[in-house]
């Protein structure tokens, strides 16, 4: 029973819920949502972190696709990353909000 509670899947899901809650707060503060243009599994390499200053066009999230690793989301404005809604290993879909940037 305890093993089921602390499984990796449950921990990842809980992490995603917590990140999404933070993303909701960031959105309410006027931050601009950044969406993925690809579907795939998020990789740690190239994943932007909260507090990072970004320029328009900068890669925010990379994913593994059938063709290899590719940029899934680029900043659509310059500013400070106030939330990141994905974690390495999570599956994202095209159109999904992956971060918020405060211009």
Foldseek 3Di string as FASTA:
>chain_A
DVCVCPPPVNVQVVVLVVQVVQQVVVVVVVWAFWWFQAWAFWAPVQADDFFDWDAFQRQHTWGQDPVGIDRGITHNHTAGWHGANHDGGDIDHGGDGGTTGDD
